[in-house]
Amino acid sequence: NRPITSARATARSGPPASHVEALRAAMARNPFLKIFVVCGYYDMATPFFGAEYDFMHLGWEPTCQQRVSWGHYEGGHMMYIRVPVLRQLKKDVAAFIRGAMK
């Protein structure tokens, strides 16, 4: 095993990245903002259910929750490297964009 550099050690020991407050503010300022969250079941870079947890704890009004769509896919952080998953992701993103433009 290679030794862990100090930057990697710091990244691992610090708190997980979170943009919850910025997201809550953006959703409150823009009632037309819609979000599509993509998650891989076997993601080793970000914890599974991390995004779901953040969105459940935003403390926002129920109408904001209605503007969030989810996509869960077989694979990890880069689930799109598997062709069947890439095809499904493409379909889901296209459907999200069509729905967001209504």
PDB file of N, CA and C in Angstrom:
ATOM      1  N   ASN A   1       0.833  -1.195   0.000  1.00  0.00           N
ATOM      2  CA  ASN A   1       0.000   0.000   0.000  1.00  0.00           C
ATOM      3  C   ASN A   1       0.868   1.245   0.000  1.00  0.00           C
ATOM      4  N   ARG A   2       0.421   2.245  -0.745  1.00  0.00           N
ATOM      5  CA  ARG A   2       1.126   3.518  -0.762  1.00  0.00           C
ATOM      6  C   ARG A   2       0.706   4.334   0.450  1.00  0.00           C
ATOM      7  N   PRO A   3       1.611   5.155   0.975  1.00  0.00           N
ATOM      8  CA  PRO A   3       1.218   6.007   2.105  1.00  0.00           C
ATOM      9  C   PRO A   3       0.192   7.056   1.660  1.00  0.00           C
ATOM     10  N   ILE A   4      -0.674   7.411   2.565  1.00  0.00           N
ATOM     11  CA  ILE A   4      -1.697   8.417   2.282  1.00  0.00           C
ATOM     12  C   ILE A   4      -1.059   9.792   2.391  1.00  0.00           C
ATOM     13  N   THR A   5      -1.241  10.611   1.376  1.00  0.00           N
ATOM     14  CA  THR A   5      -0.699  11.964   1.424  1.00  0.00           C
ATOM     15  C   THR A   5      -1.487  12.780   2.439  1.00  0.00           C
ATOM     16  N   SER A   6      -0.907  13.878   2.871  1.00  0.00           N
ATOM     17  CA  SER A   6      -1.589  14.686   3.886  1.00  0.00           C
ATOM     18  C   SER A   6      -2.901  15.250   3.371  1.00  0.00           C
ATOM     19  N   ALA A   7      -2.983  15.593   2.071  1.00  0.00           N
ATOM     20  CA  ALA A   7      -4.239  16.117   1.524  1.00  0.00           C
ATOM     21  C   ALA A   7      -5.325  15.048   1.557  1.00  0.00           C
ATOM     22  N   ARG A   8      -4.962  13.836   1.182  1.00  0.00           N
ATOM     23  CA  ARG A   8      -5.955  12.760   1.214  1.00  0.00           C
ATOM     24  C   ARG A   8      -6.354  12.445   2.647  1.00  0.00           C
ATOM     25  N   ALA A   9      -5.396  12.475   3.556  1.00  0.00           N
ATOM     26  CA  ALA A   9      -5.709  12.207   4.957  1.00  0.00           C
ATOM     27  C   ALA A   9      -6.658  13.268   5.506  1.00  0.00           C
ATOM     28  N   THR A  10      -6.412  14.526   5.166  1.00  0.00           N
ATOM     29  CA  THR A  10      -7.279  15.610   5.623  1.00  0.00           C
ATOM     30  C   THR A  10      -8.677  15.448   5.045  1.00  0.00           C
ATOM     31  N   ALA A  11      -8.748  15.113   3.756  1.00  0.00           N
ATOM     32  CA  ALA A  11     -10.052  14.940   3.125  1.00  0.00           C
ATOM     33  C   ALA A  11     -10.839  13.825   3.790  1.00  0.00           C
ATOM     34  N   ARG A  12     -10.155  12.774   4.175  1.00  0.00           N
ATOM     35  CA  ARG A  12     -10.853  11.651   4.808  1.00  0.00           C
ATOM     36  C   ARG A  12     -11.241  11.953   6.245  1.00  0.00           C
ATOM     37  N   SER A  13     -10.497  12.801   6.918  1.00  0.00           N
ATOM     38  CA  SER A  13     -10.782  13.043   8.326  1.00  0.00           C
ATOM     39  C   SER A  13     -11.741  14.202   8.542  1.00  0.00           C
ATOM     40  N   GLY A  14     -11.936  15.040   7.526  1.00  0.00           N
ATOM     41  CA  GLY A  14     -12.825  16.184   7.665  1.00  0.00           C
ATOM     42  C   GLY A  14     -14.275  15.773   7.534  1.00  0.00           C
ATOM     43  N   PRO A  15     -15.173  16.731   7.760  1.00  0.00           N
ATOM     44  CA  PRO A  15     -16.605  16.422   7.627  1.00  0.00           C
ATOM     45  C   PRO A  15     -16.963  16.167   6.166  1.00  0.00           C
ATOM     46  N   PRO A  16     -17.997  15.373   5.927  1.00  0.00           N
ATOM     47  CA  PRO A  16     -18.396  15.124   4.538  1.00  0.00           C
ATOM     48  C   PRO A  16     -18.856  16.412   3.869  1.00  0.00           C
ATOM     49  N   ALA A  17     -18.635  16.508   2.576  1.00  0.00           N
ATOM     50  CA  ALA A  17     -19.051  17.691   1.831  1.00  0.00           C
ATOM     51  C   ALA A  17     -20.569  17.796   1.853  1.00  0.00           C
ATOM     52  N   SER A  18     -21.056  19.008   2.072  1.00  0.00           N
ATOM     53  CA  SER A  18     -22.493  19.217   2.076  1.00  0.00           C
ATOM     54  C   SER A  18     -22.784  20.611   1.548  1.00  0.00           C
ATOM     55  N   HIS A  19     -23.771  20.671   0.684  1.00  0.00           N
ATOM     56  CA  HIS A  19     -24.193  21.943   0.112  1.00  0.00           C
ATOM     57  C   HIS A  19     -25.656  22.194   0.444  1.00  0.00           C
ATOM     58  N   VAL A  20     -26.066  21.668   1.582  1.00  0.00           N
ATOM     59  CA  VAL A  20     -27.469  21.708   1.965  1.00  0.00           C
ATOM     60  C   VAL A  20     -27.986  23.140   2.083  1.00  0.00           C
ATOM     61  N   GLU A  21     -27.250  24.000   2.758  1.00  0.00           N
ATOM     62  CA  GLU A  21     -27.738  25.368   2.972  1.00  0.00           C
ATOM     63  C   GLU A  21     -27.838  26.139   1.653  1.00  0.00           C
ATOM     64  N   ALA A  22     -26.843  25.989   0.789  1.00  0.00           N
ATOM     65  CA  ALA A  22     -26.886  26.669  -0.511  1.00  0.00           C
ATOM     66  C   ALA A  22     -28.045  26.147  -1.352  1.00  0.00           C
ATOM     67  N   LEU A  23     -28.287  24.859  -1.304  1.00  0.00           N
ATOM     68  CA  LEU A  23     -29.384  24.267  -2.054  1.00  0.00           C
ATOM     69  C   LEU A  23     -30.731  24.747  -1.527  1.00  0.00           C
ATOM     70  N   ARG A  24     -30.857  24.776  -0.216  1.00  0.00           N
ATOM     71  CA  ARG A  24     -32.112  25.258   0.383  1.00  0.00           C
ATOM     72  C   ARG A  24     -32.375  26.709  -0.043  1.00  0.00           C
ATOM     73  N   ALA A  25     -31.351  27.549  -0.018  1.00  0.00           N
ATOM     74  CA  ALA A  25     -31.500  28.952  -0.401  1.00  0.00           C
ATOM     75  C   ALA A  25     -31.864  29.085  -1.880  1.00  0.00           C
ATOM     76  N   ALA A  26     -31.220  28.295  -2.731  1.00  0.00           N
ATOM     77  CA  ALA A  26     -31.508  28.359  -4.169  1.00  0.00           C
ATOM     78  C   ALA A  26     -32.938  27.930  -4.455  1.00  0.00           C
ATOM     79  N   MET A  27     -33.395  26.877  -3.794  1.00  0.00           N
ATOM     80  CA  MET A  27     -34.764  26.400  -3.998  1.00  0.00           C
ATOM     81  C   MET A  27     -35.775  27.439  -3.500  1.00  0.00           C
ATOM     82  N   ALA A  28     -35.451  28.123  -2.411  1.00  0.00           N
ATOM     83  CA  ALA A  28     -36.363  29.131  -1.870  1.00  0.00           C
ATOM     84  C   ALA A  28     -36.426  30.363  -2.780  1.00  0.00           C
ATOM     85  N   ARG A  29     -35.286  30.747  -3.348  1.00  0.00           N
ATOM     86  CA  ARG A  29     -35.244  31.927  -4.221  1.00  0.00           C
ATOM     87  C   ARG A  29     -35.897  31.691  -5.574  1.00  0.00           C
ATOM     88  N   ASN A  30     -35.803  30.468  -6.068  1.00  0.00           N
ATOM     89  CA  ASN A  30     -36.292  30.187  -7.411  1.00  0.00           C
ATOM     90  C   ASN A  30     -37.362  29.094  -7.365  1.00  0.00           C
ATOM     91  N   PRO A  31     -38.623  29.464  -7.401  1.00  0.00           N
ATOM     92  CA  PRO A  31     -39.691  28.464  -7.310  1.00  0.00           C
ATOM     93  C   PRO A  31     -39.800  27.576  -8.560  1.00  0.00           C
ATOM     94  N   PHE A  32     -39.038  27.873  -9.592  1.00  0.00           N
ATOM     95  CA  PHE A  32     -39.064  27.070 -10.815  1.00  0.00           C
ATOM     96  C   PHE A  32     -37.889  26.102 -10.906  1.00  0.00           C
ATOM     97  N   LEU A  33     -36.973  26.180  -9.956  1.00  0.00           N
ATOM     98  CA  LEU A  33     -35.796  25.315  -9.965  1.00  0.00           C
ATOM     99  C   LEU A  33     -36.208  23.874  -9.681  1.00  0.00           C
ATOM    100  N   LYS A  34     -35.810  22.989 -10.563  1.00  0.00           N
ATOM    101  CA  LYS A  34     -36.067  21.562 -10.381  1.00  0.00           C
ATOM    102  C   LYS A  34     -34.726  20.847 -10.371  1.00  0.00           C
ATOM    103  N   ILE A  35     -34.646  19.767  -9.611  1.00  0.00           N
ATOM    104  CA  ILE A  35     -33.380  19.058  -9.417  1.00  0.00           C
ATOM    105  C   ILE A  35     -33.569  17.577  -9.719  1.00  0.00           C
ATOM    106  N   PHE A  36     -32.597  17.015 -10.415  1.00  0.00           N
ATOM    107  CA  PHE A  36     -32.569  15.574 -10.667  1.00  0.00           C
ATOM    108  C   PHE A  36     -31.331  15.034  -9.968  1.00  0.00           C
ATOM    109  N   VAL A  37     -31.537  14.204  -8.973  1.00  0.00           N
ATOM    110  CA  VAL A  37     -30.440  13.634  -8.181  1.00  0.00           C
ATOM    111  C   VAL A  37     -30.179  12.215  -8.681  1.00  0.00           C
ATOM    112  N   VAL A  38     -28.935  11.942  -9.031  1.00  0.00           N
ATOM    113  CA  VAL A  38     -28.538  10.635  -9.554  1.00  0.00           C
ATOM    114  C   VAL A  38     -27.675   9.938  -8.515  1.00  0.00           C
ATOM    115  N   CYS A  39     -28.020   8.702  -8.177  1.00  0.00           N
ATOM    116  CA  CYS A  39     -27.295   7.939  -7.157  1.00  0.00           C
ATOM    117  C   CYS A  39     -26.944   6.547  -7.683  1.00  0.00           C
ATOM    118  N   GLY A  40     -25.737   6.107  -7.360  1.00  0.00           N
ATOM    119  CA  GLY A  40     -25.339   4.735  -7.651  1.00  0.00           C
ATOM    120  C   GLY A  40     -25.457   3.903  -6.380  1.00  0.00           C
ATOM    121  N   TYR A  41     -25.997   2.723  -6.508  1.00  0.00           N
ATOM    122  CA  TYR A  41     -26.187   1.871  -5.330  1.00  0.00           C
ATOM    123  C   TYR A  41     -24.871   1.484  -4.666  1.00  0.00           C
ATOM    124  N   TYR A  42     -23.828   1.328  -5.453  1.00  0.00           N
ATOM    125  CA  TYR A  42     -22.566   0.798  -4.919  1.00  0.00           C
ATOM    126  C   TYR A  42     -21.477   1.855  -4.920  1.00  0.00           C
ATOM    127  N   ASP A  43     -21.837   3.082  -4.645  1.00  0.00           N
ATOM    128  CA  ASP A  43     -20.917   4.214  -4.692  1.00  0.00           C
ATOM    129  C   ASP A  43     -19.990   4.190  -3.480  1.00  0.00           C
ATOM    130  N   MET A  44     -18.700   4.098  -3.735  1.00  0.00           N
ATOM    131  CA  MET A  44     -17.718   4.111  -2.647  1.00  0.00           C
ATOM    132  C   MET A  44     -17.153   5.522  -2.427  1.00  0.00           C
ATOM    133  N   ALA A  45     -17.443   6.462  -3.322  1.00  0.00           N
ATOM    134  CA  ALA A  45     -16.936   7.825  -3.188  1.00  0.00           C
ATOM    135  C   ALA A  45     -17.841   8.670  -2.295  1.00  0.00           C
ATOM    136  N   THR A  46     -19.134   8.431  -2.387  1.00  0.00           N
ATOM    137  CA  THR A  46     -20.086   9.133  -1.527  1.00  0.00           C
ATOM    138  C   THR A  46     -20.977   8.075  -0.890  1.00  0.00           C
ATOM    139  N   PRO A  47     -21.363   8.255   0.346  1.00  0.00           N
ATOM    140  CA  PRO A  47     -22.117   7.202   1.032  1.00  0.00           C
ATOM    141  C   PRO A  47     -23.503   7.007   0.448  1.00  0.00           C
ATOM    142  N   PHE A  48     -23.901   5.746   0.345  1.00  0.00           N
ATOM    143  CA  PHE A  48     -25.250   5.446  -0.109  1.00  0.00           C
ATOM    144  C   PHE A  48     -26.246   6.056   0.870  1.00  0.00           C
ATOM    145  N   PHE A  49     -27.284   6.590   0.356  1.00  0.00           N
ATOM    146  CA  PHE A  49     -28.355   7.249   1.100  1.00  0.00           C
ATOM    147  C   PHE A  49     -27.933   8.621   1.639  1.00  0.00           C
ATOM    148  N   GLY A  50     -26.718   9.073   1.304  1.00  0.00           N
ATOM    149  CA  GLY A  50     -26.260  10.390   1.753  1.00  0.00           C
ATOM    150  C   GLY A  50     -27.093  11.517   1.174  1.00  0.00           C
ATOM    151  N   ALA A  51     -27.355  11.455  -0.128  1.00  0.00           N
ATOM    152  CA  ALA A  51     -28.158  12.501  -0.767  1.00  0.00           C
ATOM    153  C   ALA A  51     -29.587  12.482  -0.227  1.00  0.00           C
ATOM    154  N   GLU A  52     -30.135  11.299  -0.086  1.00  0.00           N
ATOM    155  CA  GLU A  52     -31.492  11.189   0.445  1.00  0.00           C
ATOM    156  C   GLU A  52     -31.573  11.799   1.847  1.00  0.00           C
ATOM    157  N   TYR A  53     -30.582  11.508   2.663  1.00  0.00           N
ATOM    158  CA  TYR A  53     -30.543  12.042   4.017  1.00  0.00           C
ATOM    159  C   TYR A  53     -30.505  13.572   3.983  1.00  0.00           C
ATOM    160  N   ASP A  54     -29.619  14.121   3.146  1.00  0.00           N
ATOM    161  CA  ASP A  54     -29.519  15.578   3.048  1.00  0.00           C
ATOM    162  C   ASP A  54     -30.845  16.196   2.631  1.00  0.00           C
ATOM    163  N   PHE A  55     -31.492  15.614   1.635  1.00  0.00           N
ATOM    164  CA  PHE A  55     -32.749  16.184   1.151  1.00  0.00           C
ATOM    165  C   PHE A  55     -33.868  16.050   2.176  1.00  0.00           C
ATOM    166  N   MET A  56     -33.848  14.994   2.980  1.00  0.00           N
ATOM    167  CA  MET A  56     -34.878  14.837   4.017  1.00  0.00           C
ATOM    168  C   MET A  56     -34.694  15.847   5.141  1.00  0.00           C
ATOM    169  N   HIS A  57     -33.477  16.365   5.306  1.00  0.00           N
ATOM    170  CA  HIS A  57     -33.191  17.267   6.410  1.00  0.00           C
ATOM    171  C   HIS A  57     -32.974  18.712   5.972  1.00  0.00           C
ATOM    172  N   LEU A  58     -33.486  19.075   4.827  1.00  0.00           N
ATOM    173  CA  LEU A  58     -33.325  20.445   4.368  1.00  0.00           C
ATOM    174  C   LEU A  58     -34.203  21.423   5.137  1.00  0.00           C
ATOM    175  N   GLY A  59     -35.276  20.965   5.712  1.00  0.00           N
ATOM    176  CA  GLY A  59     -36.163  21.848   6.469  1.00  0.00           C
ATOM    177  C   GLY A  59     -36.894  22.826   5.575  1.00  0.00           C
ATOM    178  N   TRP A  60     -37.248  22.384   4.401  1.00  0.00           N
ATOM    179  CA  TRP A  60     -37.932  23.273   3.486  1.00  0.00           C
ATOM    180  C   TRP A  60     -39.400  22.940   3.387  1.00  0.00           C
ATOM    181  N   GLU A  61     -40.114  23.803   2.694  1.00  0.00           N
ATOM    182  CA  GLU A  61     -41.547  23.591   2.542  1.00  0.00           C
ATOM    183  C   GLU A  61     -41.812  22.409   1.618  1.00  0.00           C
ATOM    184  N   PRO A  62     -42.953  21.756   1.762  1.00  0.00           N
ATOM    185  CA  PRO A  62     -43.260  20.558   0.971  1.00  0.00           C
ATOM    186  C   PRO A  62     -43.207  20.780  -0.541  1.00  0.00           C
ATOM    187  N   THR A  63     -43.513  21.982  -1.018  1.00  0.00           N
ATOM    188  CA  THR A  63     -43.485  22.208  -2.464  1.00  0.00           C
ATOM    189  C   THR A  63     -42.080  22.039  -3.030  1.00  0.00           C
ATOM    190  N   CYS A  64     -41.067  22.275  -2.244  1.00  0.00           N
ATOM    191  CA  CYS A  64     -39.690  22.075  -2.713  1.00  0.00           C
ATOM    192  C   CYS A  64     -39.432  20.596  -2.960  1.00  0.00           C
ATOM    193  N   GLN A  65     -39.910  19.749  -2.076  1.00  0.00           N
ATOM    194  CA  GLN A  65     -39.720  18.305  -2.244  1.00  0.00           C
ATOM    195  C   GLN A  65     -40.331  17.832  -3.561  1.00  0.00           C
ATOM    196  N   GLN A  66     -41.414  18.456  -3.974  1.00  0.00           N
ATOM    197  CA  GLN A  66     -42.091  18.061  -5.213  1.00  0.00           C
ATOM    198  C   GLN A  66     -41.267  18.418  -6.445  1.00  0.00           C
ATOM    199  N   ARG A  67     -40.265  19.267  -6.283  1.00  0.00           N
ATOM    200  CA  ARG A  67     -39.432  19.679  -7.418  1.00  0.00           C
ATOM    201  C   ARG A  67     -38.130  18.885  -7.503  1.00  0.00           C
ATOM    202  N   VAL A  68     -38.017  17.837  -6.712  1.00  0.00           N
ATOM    203  CA  VAL A  68     -36.820  16.992  -6.719  1.00  0.00           C
ATOM    204  C   VAL A  68     -37.179  15.624  -7.295  1.00  0.00           C
ATOM    205  N   SER A  69     -36.405  15.194  -8.290  1.00  0.00           N
ATOM    206  CA  SER A  69     -36.580  13.868  -8.898  1.00  0.00           C
ATOM    207  C   SER A  69     -35.345  13.039  -8.586  1.00  0.00           C
ATOM    208  N   TRP A  70     -35.546  11.735  -8.539  1.00  0.00           N
ATOM    209  CA  TRP A  70     -34.459  10.826  -8.164  1.00  0.00           C
ATOM    210  C   TRP A  70     -34.223   9.775  -9.228  1.00  0.00           C
ATOM    211  N   GLY A  71     -32.973   9.400  -9.388  1.00  0.00           N
ATOM    212  CA  GLY A  71     -32.597   8.282 -10.243  1.00  0.00           C
ATOM    213  C   GLY A  71     -31.608   7.406  -9.496  1.00  0.00           C
ATOM    214  N   HIS A  72     -31.936   6.158  -9.299  1.00  0.00           N
ATOM    215  CA  HIS A  72     -31.052   5.203  -8.617  1.00  0.00           C
ATOM    216  C   HIS A  72     -30.633   4.150  -9.634  1.00  0.00           C
ATOM    217  N   TYR A  73     -29.334   3.872  -9.677  1.00  0.00           N
ATOM    218  CA  TYR A  73     -28.810   3.026 -10.739  1.00  0.00           C
ATOM    219  C   TYR A  73     -27.840   1.989 -10.191  1.00  0.00           C
ATOM    220  N   GLU A  74     -27.826   0.843 -10.875  1.00  0.00           N
ATOM    221  CA  GLU A  74     -26.850  -0.193 -10.562  1.00  0.00           C
ATOM    222  C   GLU A  74     -25.467   0.357 -10.887  1.00  0.00           C
ATOM    223  N   GLY A  75     -24.566   0.251  -9.976  1.00  0.00           N
ATOM    224  CA  GLY A  75     -23.216   0.741 -10.203  1.00  0.00           C
ATOM    225  C   GLY A  75     -22.782   1.652  -9.084  1.00  0.00           C
ATOM    226  N   GLY A  76     -21.619   2.213  -9.254  1.00  0.00           N
ATOM    227  CA  GLY A  76     -21.044   3.073  -8.226  1.00  0.00           C
ATOM    228  C   GLY A  76     -21.097   4.533  -8.614  1.00  0.00           C
ATOM    229  N   HIS A  77     -20.053   5.253  -8.236  1.00  0.00           N
ATOM    230  CA  HIS A  77     -19.987   6.694  -8.463  1.00  0.00           C
ATOM    231  C   HIS A  77     -20.066   7.023  -9.954  1.00  0.00           C
ATOM    232  N   MET A  78     -19.492   6.179 -10.785  1.00  0.00           N
ATOM    233  CA  MET A  78     -19.538   6.375 -12.236  1.00  0.00           C
ATOM    234  C   MET A  78     -20.383   5.267 -12.867  1.00  0.00           C
ATOM    235  N   MET A  79     -21.624   5.212 -12.448  1.00  0.00           N
ATOM    236  CA  MET A  79     -22.510   4.135 -12.900  1.00  0.00           C
ATOM    237  C   MET A  79     -22.695   4.127 -14.407  1.00  0.00           C
ATOM    238  N   TYR A  80     -22.453   5.269 -15.044  1.00  0.00           N
ATOM    239  CA  TYR A  80     -22.675   5.415 -16.476  1.00  0.00           C
ATOM    240  C   TYR A  80     -21.639   4.696 -17.339  1.00  0.00           C
ATOM    241  N   ILE A  81     -20.611   4.089 -16.740  1.00  0.00           N
ATOM    242  CA  ILE A  81     -19.644   3.354 -17.561  1.00  0.00           C
ATOM    243  C   ILE A  81     -20.201   2.012 -18.008  1.00  0.00           C
ATOM    244  N   ARG A  82     -21.277   1.568 -17.391  1.00  0.00           N
ATOM    245  CA  ARG A  82     -21.966   0.356 -17.831  1.00  0.00           C
ATOM    246  C   ARG A  82     -23.021   0.773 -18.854  1.00  0.00           C
ATOM    247  N   VAL A  83     -22.922   0.245 -20.051  1.00  0.00           N
ATOM    248  CA  VAL A  83     -23.769   0.685 -21.164  1.00  0.00           C
ATOM    249  C   VAL A  83     -25.265   0.603 -20.852  1.00  0.00           C
ATOM    250  N   PRO A  84     -25.779  -0.484 -20.279  1.00  0.00           N
ATOM    251  CA  PRO A  84     -27.230  -0.510 -19.992  1.00  0.00           C
ATOM    252  C   PRO A  84     -27.652   0.604 -19.018  1.00  0.00           C
ATOM    253  N   VAL A  85     -26.794   0.884 -18.058  1.00  0.00           N
ATOM    254  CA  VAL A  85     -27.109   1.948 -17.093  1.00  0.00           C
ATOM    255  C   VAL A  85     -27.034   3.304 -17.782  1.00  0.00           C
ATOM    256  N   LEU A  86     -26.043   3.496 -18.641  1.00  0.00           N
ATOM    257  CA  LEU A  86     -25.918   4.743 -19.394  1.00  0.00           C
ATOM    258  C   LEU A  86     -27.168   4.995 -20.224  1.00  0.00           C
ATOM    259  N   ARG A  87     -27.677   3.962 -20.865  1.00  0.00           N
ATOM    260  CA  ARG A  87     -28.896   4.115 -21.671  1.00  0.00           C
ATOM    261  C   ARG A  87     -30.080   4.554 -20.807  1.00  0.00           C
ATOM    262  N   GLN A  88     -30.223   3.909 -19.649  1.00  0.00           N
ATOM    263  CA  GLN A  88     -31.328   4.268 -18.756  1.00  0.00           C
ATOM    264  C   GLN A  88     -31.145   5.675 -18.207  1.00  0.00           C
ATOM    265  N   LEU A  89     -29.921   6.024 -17.834  1.00  0.00           N
ATOM    266  CA  LEU A  89     -29.643   7.371 -17.324  1.00  0.00           C
ATOM    267  C   LEU A  89     -29.981   8.412 -18.386  1.00  0.00           C
ATOM    268  N   LYS A  90     -29.596   8.152 -19.629  1.00  0.00           N
ATOM    269  CA  LYS A  90     -29.906   9.084 -20.722  1.00  0.00           C
ATOM    270  C   LYS A  90     -31.408   9.274 -20.863  1.00  0.00           C
ATOM    271  N   LYS A  91     -32.172   8.183 -20.807  1.00  0.00           N
ATOM    272  CA  LYS A  91     -33.634   8.270 -20.899  1.00  0.00           C
ATOM    273  C   LYS A  91     -34.199   9.088 -19.738  1.00  0.00           C
ATOM    274  N   ASP A  92     -33.678   8.829 -18.538  1.00  0.00           N
ATOM    275  CA  ASP A  92     -34.183   9.518 -17.351  1.00  0.00           C
ATOM    276  C   ASP A  92     -33.862  11.008 -17.378  1.00  0.00           C
ATOM    277  N   VAL A  93     -32.660  11.359 -17.815  1.00  0.00           N
ATOM    278  CA  VAL A  93     -32.279  12.774 -17.908  1.00  0.00           C
ATOM    279  C   VAL A  93     -33.139  13.476 -18.955  1.00  0.00           C
ATOM    280  N   ALA A  94     -33.344  12.821 -20.095  1.00  0.00           N
ATOM    281  CA  ALA A  94     -34.185  13.412 -21.144  1.00  0.00           C
ATOM    282  C   ALA A  94     -35.609  13.628 -20.623  1.00  0.00           C
ATOM    283  N   ALA A  95     -36.135  12.651 -19.907  1.00  0.00           N
ATOM    284  CA  ALA A  95     -37.495  12.791 -19.347  1.00  0.00           C
ATOM    285  C   ALA A  95     -37.535  13.927 -18.325  1.00  0.00           C
ATOM    286  N   PHE A  96     -36.502  14.051 -17.519  1.00  0.00           N
ATOM    287  CA  PHE A  96     -36.437  15.134 -16.535  1.00  0.00           C
ATOM    288  C   PHE A  96     -36.438  16.487 -17.241  1.00  0.00           C
ATOM    289  N   ILE A  97     -35.621  16.622 -18.266  1.00  0.00           N
ATOM    290  CA  ILE A  97     -35.530  17.893 -18.986  1.00  0.00           C
ATOM    291  C   ILE A  97     -36.867  18.231 -19.639  1.00  0.00           C
ATOM    292  N   ARG A  98     -37.494  17.251 -20.269  1.00  0.00           N
ATOM    293  CA  ARG A  98     -38.812  17.499 -20.874  1.00  0.00           C
ATOM    294  C   ARG A  98     -39.816  17.940 -19.801  1.00  0.00           C
ATOM    295  N   GLY A  99     -39.816  17.263 -18.669  1.00  0.00           N
ATOM    296  CA  GLY A  99     -40.733  17.623 -17.590  1.00  0.00           C
ATOM    297  C   GLY A  99     -40.432  18.968 -16.968  1.00  0.00           C
ATOM    298  N   ALA A 100     -39.163  19.318 -16.895  1.00  0.00           N
ATOM    299  CA  ALA A 100     -38.771  20.596 -16.283  1.00  0.00           C
ATOM    300  C   ALA A 100     -39.151  21.774 -17.161  1.00  0.00           C
ATOM    301  N   MET A 101     -39.306  21.537 -18.450  1.00  0.00           N
ATOM    302  CA  MET A 101     -39.636  22.626 -19.372  1.00  0.00           C
ATOM    303  C   MET A 101     -41.124  22.885 -19.467  1.00  0.00           C
ATOM    304  N   LYS A 102     -41.938  22.093 -18.783  1.00  0.00           N
ATOM    305  CA  LYS A 102     -43.397  22.286 -18.823  1.00  0.00           C
ATOM    306  C   LYS A 102     -43.802  23.406 -17.910  1.00  0.00           C
TER     307      LYS A 102
END
